[in-house]
Amino acid sequence: MSTSNGKARRIVRHNRLRSKISGTSDRPRLAVYRSISHIYAQLIDDVEGNTIASASSLENELKTQGKDSGKITISKVVGESIGRKAKDKGISEIVFDRGGYKYHGRVKAVAEGAREAGLKF
């Protein structure tokens, strides 16, 4: 499978998922994007079209926490960070959007980190 074909298939899967899930201000969507080197998470209110909070492995305080431990550990820290930011804004329930990726590895680590921070989904 070529890279462009794999990316196109992921986008098709993501569009299929997005037709079924949507975030609101009461229950925003936790969208996960995974690049080769980094991972990004956003809380999105799809009704208003606003990003409520975001976290990524590029943030300075998160870089130092999982420095020599690997991508999965850093992904879990990103999940915990987005969970804390959601709690600070009064959000306790979310809808999880895995972005067309398998619920495995780094995507699963973000979800587990968010759950440990107190988010329900």
Protein backbone atom coordinates (compact mmCIF):
# COMPACT_ATOMS: atom_id res chain seq x y z
CA MET A 1 0.00 0.00 0.00
CA SER A 2 1.47 3.33 -1.00
CA THR A 3 1.52 6.26 1.38
CA SER A 4 -0.93 8.36 -0.60
CA ASN A 5 -3.36 5.44 -0.87
CA GLY A 6 -3.15 4.82 2.89
CA LYS A 7 -3.76 8.47 3.67
CA ALA A 8 -6.72 8.58 1.29
CA ARG A 9 -8.25 5.53 2.95
CA ARG A 10 -7.79 7.09 6.41
CA ILE A 11 -9.56 10.24 5.23
CA VAL A 12 -12.47 8.16 3.91
CA ARG A 13 -12.71 6.38 7.28
CA HIS A 14 -12.52 9.71 9.09
CA ASN A 15 -15.29 11.23 6.95
CA ARG A 16 -17.48 8.20 7.62
CA LEU A 17 -16.93 8.61 11.38
CA ARG A 18 -17.56 12.36 11.23
CA SER A 19 -20.95 11.80 9.62
CA LYS A 20 -21.98 9.97 12.79
CA ILE A 21 -20.38 12.04 15.56
CA SER A 22 -20.46 15.74 16.35
CA GLY A 23 -19.40 17.84 19.29
CA THR A 24 -21.52 20.37 21.18
CA SER A 25 -20.64 22.92 23.83
CA ASP A 26 -21.89 20.51 26.53
CA ARG A 27 -20.15 17.47 25.05
CA PRO A 28 -17.33 18.52 22.70
CA ARG A 29 -15.50 16.26 20.28
CA LEU A 30 -11.96 15.18 21.23
CA ALA A 31 -10.22 14.99 17.84
CA VAL A 32 -6.88 13.20 17.62
CA TYR A 33 -4.34 13.72 14.83
CA ARG A 34 -1.24 11.57 14.63
CA SER A 35 1.79 12.50 12.56
CA ILE A 36 4.97 10.47 12.29
CA SER A 37 6.73 12.42 15.04
CA HIS A 38 3.99 14.09 17.08
CA ILE A 39 0.41 13.78 18.31
CA TYR A 40 -2.23 16.48 18.61
CA ALA A 41 -5.56 16.60 20.47
CA GLN A 42 -8.31 19.22 20.25
CA LEU A 43 -11.64 19.73 21.97
CA ILE A 44 -14.02 21.03 19.32
CA ASP A 45 -17.54 22.47 19.51
CA ASP A 46 -18.88 21.62 16.04
CA VAL A 47 -22.11 23.61 16.50
CA GLU A 48 -20.25 26.90 16.97
CA GLY A 49 -17.18 25.84 14.98
CA ASN A 50 -14.79 26.66 17.83
CA THR A 51 -11.77 24.88 19.26
CA ILE A 52 -12.22 24.91 23.04
CA ALA A 53 -8.80 23.56 24.04
CA SER A 54 -5.83 21.86 22.46
CA ALA A 55 -2.71 19.94 23.45
CA SER A 56 0.16 18.47 21.50
CA SER A 57 3.51 16.81 21.96
CA LEU A 58 5.11 20.05 20.71
CA GLU A 59 4.22 21.99 23.88
CA ASN A 60 7.30 22.76 25.97
CA GLU A 61 5.99 21.41 29.28
CA LEU A 62 4.91 18.15 27.62
CA LYS A 63 8.20 17.66 25.76
CA THR A 64 10.13 17.45 29.01
CA GLN A 65 7.71 15.06 30.75
CA GLY A 66 8.09 12.21 28.28
CA LYS A 67 11.50 13.11 26.92
CA ASP A 68 13.23 9.72 26.72
CA SER A 69 10.24 7.44 27.17
CA GLY A 70 8.76 7.04 23.69
CA LYS A 71 5.80 8.15 21.64
CA ILE A 72 3.13 6.17 23.52
CA THR A 73 4.12 7.66 26.88
CA ILE A 74 4.14 11.16 25.41
CA SER A 75 0.71 10.47 23.87
CA LYS A 76 -0.66 9.54 27.28
CA VAL A 77 0.74 12.79 28.72
CA VAL A 78 -0.99 14.72 25.89
CA GLY A 79 -4.27 12.97 26.82
CA GLU A 80 -3.84 13.90 30.47
CA SER A 81 -3.08 17.49 29.47
CA ILE A 82 -6.20 17.85 27.33
CA GLY A 83 -8.20 16.27 30.15
CA ARG A 84 -6.92 18.84 32.66
CA LYS A 85 -7.66 21.70 30.26
CA ALA A 86 -11.20 20.37 29.75
CA LYS A 87 -11.77 20.11 33.50
CA ASP A 88 -10.55 23.70 33.93
CA LYS A 89 -13.23 24.80 31.43
CA GLY A 90 -15.94 22.77 33.21
CA ILE A 91 -16.17 19.93 30.69
CA SER A 92 -16.55 16.39 32.00
CA GLU A 93 -18.05 14.47 29.05
CA ILE A 94 -16.73 14.29 25.50
CA VAL A 95 -17.17 12.43 22.22
CA PHE A 96 -13.97 10.69 21.08
CA ASP A 97 -12.94 11.13 17.43
CA ARG A 98 -10.07 8.80 16.57
CA GLY A 99 -9.57 10.53 13.22
CA GLY A 100 -9.81 7.41 11.09
CA TYR A 101 -6.92 5.74 12.92
CA LYS A 102 -7.17 2.37 14.62
CA TYR A 103 -7.96 2.56 18.34
CA HIS A 104 -4.52 1.21 19.15
CA GLY A 105 -1.12 2.47 20.26
CA ARG A 106 -0.78 6.23 20.46
CA VAL A 107 -4.46 6.98 19.80
CA LYS A 108 -5.46 4.60 22.60
CA ALA A 109 -2.86 6.21 24.90
CA VAL A 110 -4.42 9.66 24.35
CA ALA A 111 -7.85 8.24 25.24
CA GLU A 112 -6.54 6.51 28.37
CA GLY A 113 -4.75 9.69 29.49
CA ALA A 114 -7.94 11.72 29.04
CA ARG A 115 -9.92 9.14 31.03
CA GLU A 116 -7.34 9.24 33.83
CA ALA A 117 -7.71 13.02 33.93
CA GLY A 118 -11.44 12.53 34.59
CA LEU A 119 -13.13 12.80 31.19
CA LYS A 120 -16.02 10.46 30.41
CA PHE A 121 -16.72 9.05 26.96
